[in-house]
PDB file of N, CA and C in Angstrom:
ATOM      1  N   UNK A   1     -23.251   9.560  -1.403  1.00  0.00           N
ATOM      2  CA  UNK A   1     -23.211   9.386  -2.846  1.00  0.00           C
ATOM      3  C   UNK A   1     -21.995   8.532  -3.220  1.00  0.00           C
ATOM      4  N   UNK A   2     -22.218   7.596  -4.093  1.00  0.00           N
ATOM      5  CA  UNK A   2     -21.148   6.715  -4.552  1.00  0.00           C
ATOM      6  C   UNK A   2     -20.172   7.481  -5.439  1.00  0.00           C
ATOM      7  N   UNK A   3     -18.893   7.355  -5.123  1.00  0.00           N
ATOM      8  CA  UNK A   3     -17.840   7.981  -5.926  1.00  0.00           C
ATOM      9  C   UNK A   3     -16.920   6.880  -6.456  1.00  0.00           C
ATOM     10  N   UNK A   4     -17.039   6.641  -7.756  1.00  0.00           N
ATOM     11  CA  UNK A   4     -16.290   5.562  -8.391  1.00  0.00           C
ATOM     12  C   UNK A   4     -14.795   5.694  -8.145  1.00  0.00           C
ATOM     13  N   UNK A   5     -14.263   6.888  -8.313  1.00  0.00           N
ATOM     14  CA  UNK A   5     -12.822   7.095  -8.161  1.00  0.00           C
ATOM     15  C   UNK A   5     -12.358   6.720  -6.758  1.00  0.00           C
ATOM     16  N   UNK A   6     -13.078   7.148  -5.740  1.00  0.00           N
ATOM     17  CA  UNK A   6     -12.695   6.839  -4.366  1.00  0.00           C
ATOM     18  C   UNK A   6     -12.782   5.337  -4.094  1.00  0.00           C
ATOM     19  N   UNK A   7     -13.824   4.714  -4.616  1.00  0.00           N
ATOM     20  CA  UNK A   7     -13.993   3.279  -4.454  1.00  0.00           C
ATOM     21  C   UNK A   7     -12.836   2.527  -5.105  1.00  0.00           C
ATOM     22  N   UNK A   8     -12.442   2.953  -6.291  1.00  0.00           N
ATOM     23  CA  UNK A   8     -11.358   2.307  -7.013  1.00  0.00           C
ATOM     24  C   UNK A   8     -10.028   2.496  -6.294  1.00  0.00           C
ATOM     25  N   UNK A   9      -9.774   3.698  -5.799  1.00  0.00           N
ATOM     26  CA  UNK A   9      -8.533   3.946  -5.052  1.00  0.00           C
ATOM     27  C   UNK A   9      -8.461   3.048  -3.819  1.00  0.00           C
ATOM     28  N   UNK A  10      -9.553   2.954  -3.090  1.00  0.00           N
ATOM     29  CA  UNK A  10      -9.580   2.093  -1.900  1.00  0.00           C
ATOM     30  C   UNK A  10      -9.378   0.626  -2.277  1.00  0.00           C
ATOM     31  N   UNK A  11      -9.953   0.207  -3.391  1.00  0.00           N
ATOM     32  CA  UNK A  11      -9.789  -1.172  -3.846  1.00  0.00           C
ATOM     33  C   UNK A  11      -8.325  -1.460  -4.166  1.00  0.00           C
ATOM     34  N   UNK A  12      -7.639  -0.534  -4.811  1.00  0.00           N
ATOM     35  CA  UNK A  12      -6.218  -0.729  -5.110  1.00  0.00           C
ATOM     36  C   UNK A  12      -5.399  -0.799  -3.829  1.00  0.00           C
ATOM     37  N   UNK A  13      -5.656   0.104  -2.906  1.00  0.00           N
ATOM     38  CA  UNK A  13      -4.906   0.140  -1.649  1.00  0.00           C
ATOM     39  C   UNK A  13      -5.161  -1.137  -0.846  1.00  0.00           C
ATOM     40  N   UNK A  14      -6.416  -1.504  -0.693  1.00  0.00           N
ATOM     41  CA  UNK A  14      -6.741  -2.716   0.062  1.00  0.00           C
ATOM     42  C   UNK A  14      -6.235  -3.970  -0.629  1.00  0.00           C
ATOM     43  N   UNK A  15      -6.273  -3.984  -1.948  1.00  0.00           N
ATOM     44  CA  UNK A  15      -5.736  -5.117  -2.698  1.00  0.00           C
ATOM     45  C   UNK A  15      -4.254  -5.290  -2.467  1.00  0.00           C
ATOM     46  N   UNK A  16      -3.532  -4.195  -2.345  1.00  0.00           N
ATOM     47  CA  UNK A  16      -2.102  -4.275  -2.042  1.00  0.00           C
ATOM     48  C   UNK A  16      -1.897  -4.799  -0.624  1.00  0.00           C
ATOM     49  N   UNK A  17      -2.654  -4.244   0.312  1.00  0.00           N
ATOM     50  CA  UNK A  17      -2.500  -4.629   1.719  1.00  0.00           C
ATOM     51  C   UNK A  17      -2.806  -6.099   1.951  1.00  0.00           C
ATOM     52  N   UNK A  18      -3.769  -6.649   1.239  1.00  0.00           N
ATOM     53  CA  UNK A  18      -4.107  -8.059   1.459  1.00  0.00           C
ATOM     54  C   UNK A  18      -3.318  -9.003   0.543  1.00  0.00           C
ATOM     55  N   UNK A  19      -2.403  -8.445  -0.233  1.00  0.00           N
ATOM     56  CA  UNK A  19      -1.516  -9.264  -1.056  1.00  0.00           C
ATOM     57  C   UNK A  19      -2.079  -9.668  -2.404  1.00  0.00           C
ATOM     58  N   UNK A  20      -3.243  -9.173  -2.738  1.00  0.00           N
ATOM     59  CA  UNK A  20      -3.859  -9.533  -4.010  1.00  0.00           C
ATOM     60  C   UNK A  20      -3.199  -8.817  -5.192  1.00  0.00           C
ATOM     61  N   UNK A  21      -2.742  -7.579  -4.972  1.00  0.00           N
ATOM     62  CA  UNK A  21      -2.115  -6.782  -6.032  1.00  0.00           C
ATOM     63  C   UNK A  21      -0.678  -6.449  -5.669  1.00  0.00           C
ATOM     64  N   UNK A  22       0.180  -6.480  -6.659  1.00  0.00           N
ATOM     65  CA  UNK A  22       1.556  -6.028  -6.458  1.00  0.00           C
ATOM     66  C   UNK A  22       1.629  -4.517  -6.689  1.00  0.00           C
ATOM     67  N   UNK A  23       2.694  -3.923  -6.215  1.00  0.00           N
ATOM     68  CA  UNK A  23       2.875  -2.488  -6.434  1.00  0.00           C
ATOM     69  C   UNK A  23       2.998  -2.180  -7.919  1.00  0.00           C
ATOM     70  N   UNK A  24       3.636  -3.062  -8.656  1.00  0.00           N
ATOM     71  CA  UNK A  24       3.784  -2.876 -10.097  1.00  0.00           C
ATOM     72  C   UNK A  24       2.435  -2.923 -10.814  1.00  0.00           C
ATOM     73  N   UNK A  25       1.583  -3.832 -10.382  1.00  0.00           N
ATOM     74  CA  UNK A  25       0.245  -3.926 -10.970  1.00  0.00           C
ATOM     75  C   UNK A  25      -0.529  -2.632 -10.725  1.00  0.00           C
ATOM     76  N   UNK A  26      -0.460  -2.140  -9.502  1.00  0.00           N
ATOM     77  CA  UNK A  26      -1.192  -0.920  -9.159  1.00  0.00           C
ATOM     78  C   UNK A  26      -0.651   0.261  -9.959  1.00  0.00           C
ATOM     79  N   UNK A  27       0.662   0.339 -10.126  1.00  0.00           N
ATOM     80  CA  UNK A  27       1.244   1.424 -10.924  1.00  0.00           C
ATOM     81  C   UNK A  27       0.718   1.371 -12.354  1.00  0.00           C
ATOM     82  N   UNK A  28       0.661   0.175 -12.907  1.00  0.00           N
ATOM     83  CA  UNK A  28       0.146   0.011 -14.270  1.00  0.00           C
ATOM     84  C   UNK A  28      -1.320   0.412 -14.360  1.00  0.00           C
ATOM     85  N   UNK A  29      -2.120  -0.024 -13.394  1.00  0.00           N
ATOM     86  CA  UNK A  29      -3.542   0.311 -13.401  1.00  0.00           C
ATOM     87  C   UNK A  29      -3.768   1.809 -13.199  1.00  0.00           C
ATOM     88  N   UNK A  30      -2.959   2.426 -12.331  1.00  0.00           N
ATOM     89  CA  UNK A  30      -3.086   3.875 -12.125  1.00  0.00           C
ATOM     90  C   UNK A  30      -2.759   4.630 -13.406  1.00  0.00           C
ATOM     91  N   UNK A  31      -1.713   4.196 -14.097  1.00  0.00           N
ATOM     92  CA  UNK A  31      -1.365   4.834 -15.366  1.00  0.00           C
ATOM     93  C   UNK A  31      -2.522   4.704 -16.353  1.00  0.00           C
ATOM     94  N   UNK A  32      -3.154   3.545 -16.367  1.00  0.00           N
ATOM     95  CA  UNK A  32      -4.307   3.329 -17.235  1.00  0.00           C
ATOM     96  C   UNK A  32      -5.460   4.260 -16.849  1.00  0.00           C
ATOM     97  N   UNK A  33      -5.712   4.397 -15.553  1.00  0.00           N
ATOM     98  CA  UNK A  33      -6.796   5.269 -15.092  1.00  0.00           C
ATOM     99  C   UNK A  33      -6.498   6.740 -15.397  1.00  0.00           C
ATOM    100  N   UNK A  34      -5.245   7.134 -15.305  1.00  0.00           N
ATOM    101  CA  UNK A  34      -4.862   8.507 -15.677  1.00  0.00           C
ATOM    102  C   UNK A  34      -5.111   8.711 -17.171  1.00  0.00           C
ATOM    103  N   UNK A  35      -4.722   7.727 -17.971  1.00  0.00           N
ATOM    104  CA  UNK A  35      -4.939   7.809 -19.412  1.00  0.00           C
ATOM    105  C   UNK A  35      -6.412   7.908 -19.796  1.00  0.00           C
ATOM    106  N   UNK A  36      -7.264   7.305 -18.995  1.00  0.00           N
ATOM    107  CA  UNK A  36      -8.706   7.349 -19.254  1.00  0.00           C
ATOM    108  C   UNK A  36      -9.372   8.583 -18.647  1.00  0.00           C
ATOM    109  N   UNK A  37      -8.590   9.372 -17.929  1.00  0.00           N
ATOM    110  CA  UNK A  37      -9.129  10.588 -17.330  1.00  0.00           C
ATOM    111  C   UNK A  37      -9.870  10.373 -16.026  1.00  0.00           C
ATOM    112  N   UNK A  38      -9.785   9.174 -15.468  1.00  0.00           N
ATOM    113  CA  UNK A  38     -10.480   8.884 -14.207  1.00  0.00           C
ATOM    114  C   UNK A  38      -9.658   9.321 -13.001  1.00  0.00           C
ATOM    115  N   UNK A  39      -8.334   9.241 -13.123  1.00  0.00           N
ATOM    116  CA  UNK A  39      -7.418   9.634 -12.053  1.00  0.00           C
ATOM    117  C   UNK A  39      -6.573  10.805 -12.526  1.00  0.00           C
ATOM    118  N   UNK A  40      -6.115  11.574 -11.557  1.00  0.00           N
ATOM    119  CA  UNK A  40      -5.073  12.567 -11.807  1.00  0.00           C
ATOM    120  C   UNK A  40      -3.791  12.014 -11.209  1.00  0.00           C
ATOM    121  N   UNK A  41      -2.686  12.700 -11.461  1.00  0.00           N
ATOM    122  CA  UNK A  41      -1.437  12.276 -10.829  1.00  0.00           C
ATOM    123  C   UNK A  41      -1.537  12.380  -9.316  1.00  0.00           C
ATOM    124  N   UNK A  42      -2.308  13.328  -8.820  1.00  0.00           N
ATOM    125  CA  UNK A  42      -2.507  13.462  -7.369  1.00  0.00           C
ATOM    126  C   UNK A  42      -3.215  12.228  -6.807  1.00  0.00           C
ATOM    127  N   UNK A  43      -4.138  11.650  -7.553  1.00  0.00           N
ATOM    128  CA  UNK A  43      -4.805  10.421  -7.108  1.00  0.00           C
ATOM    129  C   UNK A  43      -3.806   9.268  -7.026  1.00  0.00           C
ATOM    130  N   UNK A  44      -2.977   9.147  -8.039  1.00  0.00           N
ATOM    131  CA  UNK A  44      -1.958   8.099  -8.040  1.00  0.00           C
ATOM    132  C   UNK A  44      -0.971   8.322  -6.894  1.00  0.00           C
ATOM    133  N   UNK A  45      -0.639   9.564  -6.629  1.00  0.00           N
ATOM    134  CA  UNK A  45       0.269   9.873  -5.530  1.00  0.00           C
ATOM    135  C   UNK A  45      -0.356   9.496  -4.186  1.00  0.00           C
ATOM    136  N   UNK A  46      -1.648   9.714  -4.050  1.00  0.00           N
ATOM    137  CA  UNK A  46      -2.349   9.326  -2.821  1.00  0.00           C
ATOM    138  C   UNK A  46      -2.249   7.818  -2.592  1.00  0.00           C
ATOM    139  N   UNK A  47      -2.448   7.050  -3.640  1.00  0.00           N
ATOM    140  CA  UNK A  47      -2.331   5.597  -3.549  1.00  0.00           C
ATOM    141  C   UNK A  47      -0.897   5.215  -3.212  1.00  0.00           C
ATOM    142  N   UNK A  48       0.055   5.818  -3.893  1.00  0.00           N
ATOM    143  CA  UNK A  48       1.473   5.547  -3.630  1.00  0.00           C
ATOM    144  C   UNK A  48       1.811   5.828  -2.165  1.00  0.00           C
ATOM    145  N   UNK A  49       1.360   6.962  -1.650  1.00  0.00           N
ATOM    146  CA  UNK A  49       1.659   7.328  -0.264  1.00  0.00           C
ATOM    147  C   UNK A  49       1.061   6.334   0.724  1.00  0.00           C
ATOM    148  N   UNK A  50      -0.141   5.861   0.441  1.00  0.00           N
ATOM    149  CA  UNK A  50      -0.767   4.862   1.320  1.00  0.00           C
ATOM    150  C   UNK A  50       0.006   3.547   1.289  1.00  0.00           C
ATOM    151  N   UNK A  51       0.489   3.160   0.125  1.00  0.00           N
ATOM    152  CA  UNK A  51       1.285   1.937   0.006  1.00  0.00           C
ATOM    153  C   UNK A  51       2.601   2.092   0.768  1.00  0.00           C
ATOM    154  N   UNK A  52       3.252   3.230   0.613  1.00  0.00           N
ATOM    155  CA  UNK A  52       4.515   3.471   1.312  1.00  0.00           C
ATOM    156  C   UNK A  52       4.313   3.486   2.831  1.00  0.00           C
ATOM    157  N   UNK A  53       3.230   4.087   3.279  1.00  0.00           N
ATOM    158  CA  UNK A  53       2.910   4.119   4.706  1.00  0.00           C
ATOM    159  C   UNK A  53       2.704   2.692   5.223  1.00  0.00           C
ATOM    160  N   UNK A  54       1.970   1.894   4.478  1.00  0.00           N
ATOM    161  CA  UNK A  54       1.731   0.502   4.855  1.00  0.00           C
ATOM    162  C   UNK A  54       3.047  -0.281   4.903  1.00  0.00           C
ATOM    163  N   UNK A  55       3.894  -0.085   3.899  1.00  0.00           N
ATOM    164  CA  UNK A  55       5.191  -0.774   3.873  1.00  0.00           C
ATOM    165  C   UNK A  55       6.042  -0.398   5.078  1.00  0.00           C
ATOM    166  N   UNK A  56       6.036   0.871   5.451  1.00  0.00           N
ATOM    167  CA  UNK A  56       6.806   1.322   6.610  1.00  0.00           C
ATOM    168  C   UNK A  56       6.265   0.702   7.900  1.00  0.00           C
ATOM    169  N   UNK A  57       4.949   0.625   8.019  1.00  0.00           N
ATOM    170  CA  UNK A  57       4.342   0.008   9.203  1.00  0.00           C
ATOM    171  C   UNK A  57       4.713  -1.462   9.295  1.00  0.00           C
ATOM    172  N   UNK A  58       4.658  -2.164   8.180  1.00  0.00           N
ATOM    173  CA  UNK A  58       5.014  -3.583   8.170  1.00  0.00           C
ATOM    174  C   UNK A  58       6.490  -3.788   8.504  1.00  0.00           C
ATOM    175  N   UNK A  59       7.344  -2.938   7.969  1.00  0.00           N
ATOM    176  CA  UNK A  59       8.774  -3.032   8.264  1.00  0.00           C
ATOM    177  C   UNK A  59       9.027  -2.797   9.749  1.00  0.00           C
ATOM    178  N   UNK A  60       8.325  -1.850  10.346  1.00  0.00           N
ATOM    179  CA  UNK A  60       8.475  -1.578  11.777  1.00  0.00           C
ATOM    180  C   UNK A  60       8.009  -2.776  12.602  1.00  0.00           C
ATOM    181  N   UNK A  61       6.929  -3.419  12.190  1.00  0.00           N
ATOM    182  CA  UNK A  61       6.445  -4.605  12.891  1.00  0.00           C
ATOM    183  C   UNK A  61       7.473  -5.732  12.833  1.00  0.00           C
ATOM    184  N   UNK A  62       8.049  -5.944  11.677  1.00  0.00           N
ATOM    185  CA  UNK A  62       9.049  -7.000  11.511  1.00  0.00           C
ATOM    186  C   UNK A  62      10.273  -6.696  12.363  1.00  0.00           C
ATOM    187  N   UNK A  63      10.699  -5.455  12.360  1.00  0.00           N
ATOM    188  CA  UNK A  63      11.854  -5.054  13.162  1.00  0.00           C
ATOM    189  C   UNK A  63      11.582  -5.271  14.640  1.00  0.00           C
ATOM    190  N   UNK A  64      10.385  -4.915  15.093  1.00  0.00           N
ATOM    191  CA  UNK A  64      10.025  -5.080  16.500  1.00  0.00           C
ATOM    192  C   UNK A  64      10.042  -6.556  16.893  1.00  0.00           C
ATOM    193  N   UNK A  65       9.518  -7.414  16.052  1.00  0.00           N
ATOM    194  CA  UNK A  65       9.518  -8.856  16.338  1.00  0.00           C
ATOM    195  C   UNK A  65      10.952  -9.362  16.389  1.00  0.00           C
ATOM    196  N   UNK A  66      11.772  -8.965  15.448  1.00  0.00           N
ATOM    197  CA  UNK A  66      13.163  -9.409  15.406  1.00  0.00           C
ATOM    198  C   UNK A  66      13.909  -8.953  16.657  1.00  0.00           C
ATOM    199  N   UNK A  67      13.702  -7.706  17.059  1.00  0.00           N
ATOM    200  CA  UNK A  67      14.370  -7.186  18.244  1.00  0.00           C
ATOM    201  C   UNK A  67      13.915  -7.911  19.502  1.00  0.00           C
ATOM    202  N   UNK A  68      12.633  -8.223  19.586  1.00  0.00           N
ATOM    203  CA  UNK A  68      12.099  -8.960  20.740  1.00  0.00           C
ATOM    204  C   UNK A  68      12.705 -10.353  20.804  1.00  0.00           C
ATOM    205  N   UNK A  69      12.766 -11.013  19.659  1.00  0.00           N
ATOM    206  CA  UNK A  69      13.355 -12.353  19.628  1.00  0.00           C
ATOM    207  C   UNK A  69      14.834 -12.314  19.986  1.00  0.00           C
ATOM    208  N   UNK A  70      15.548 -11.311  19.548  1.00  0.00           N
ATOM    209  CA  UNK A  70      16.970 -11.185  19.869  1.00  0.00           C
ATOM    210  C   UNK A  70      17.166 -10.939  21.365  1.00  0.00           C
ATOM    211  N   UNK A  71      16.322 -10.106  21.950  1.00  0.00           N
ATOM    212  CA  UNK A  71      16.410  -9.827  23.387  1.00  0.00           C
ATOM    213  C   UNK A  71      16.122 -11.086  24.187  1.00  0.00           C
ATOM    214  N   UNK A  72      15.127 -11.850  23.771  1.00  0.00           N
ATOM    215  CA  UNK A  72      14.788 -13.084  24.462  1.00  0.00           C
ATOM    216  C   UNK A  72      15.927 -14.090  24.368  1.00  0.00           C
ATOM    217  N   UNK A  73      16.567 -14.171  23.215  1.00  0.00           N
ATOM    218  CA  UNK A  73      17.691 -15.083  23.043  1.00  0.00           C
ATOM    219  C   UNK A  73      18.876 -14.671  23.909  1.00  0.00           C
ATOM    220  N   UNK A  74      19.113 -13.386  24.037  1.00  0.00           N
ATOM    221  CA  UNK A  74      20.234 -12.899  24.839  1.00  0.00           C
ATOM    222  C   UNK A  74      19.976 -13.032  26.328  1.00  0.00           C
ATOM    223  N   UNK A  75      18.713 -12.997  26.737  1.00  0.00           N
ATOM    224  CA  UNK A  75      18.371 -13.080  28.157  1.00  0.00           C
ATOM    225  C   UNK A  75      18.066 -14.506  28.615  1.00  0.00           C
ATOM    226  N   UNK A  76      17.913 -15.388  27.664  1.00  0.00           N
ATOM    227  CA  UNK A  76      17.465 -16.742  28.005  1.00  0.00           C
ATOM    228  C   UNK A  76      18.556 -17.685  28.096  1.00  0.00           C
TER     229      UNK A  76
END
């Protein structure tokens, strides 16, 4: 069964991950959805947590690349 709320949450999360939406845009849209009664604060928190998890993963990837490049420079 199609669930509009779940589809919308996934669209916001994926839009952030692919660079289409900023975190500020998503916060504004979530506030709008809460105001319309489509989202609860728990829904917005779920989106926030997914964004934070994604940001942490990306930061770890960048750190790993930087450390690898530094090791190669020191050994080369």
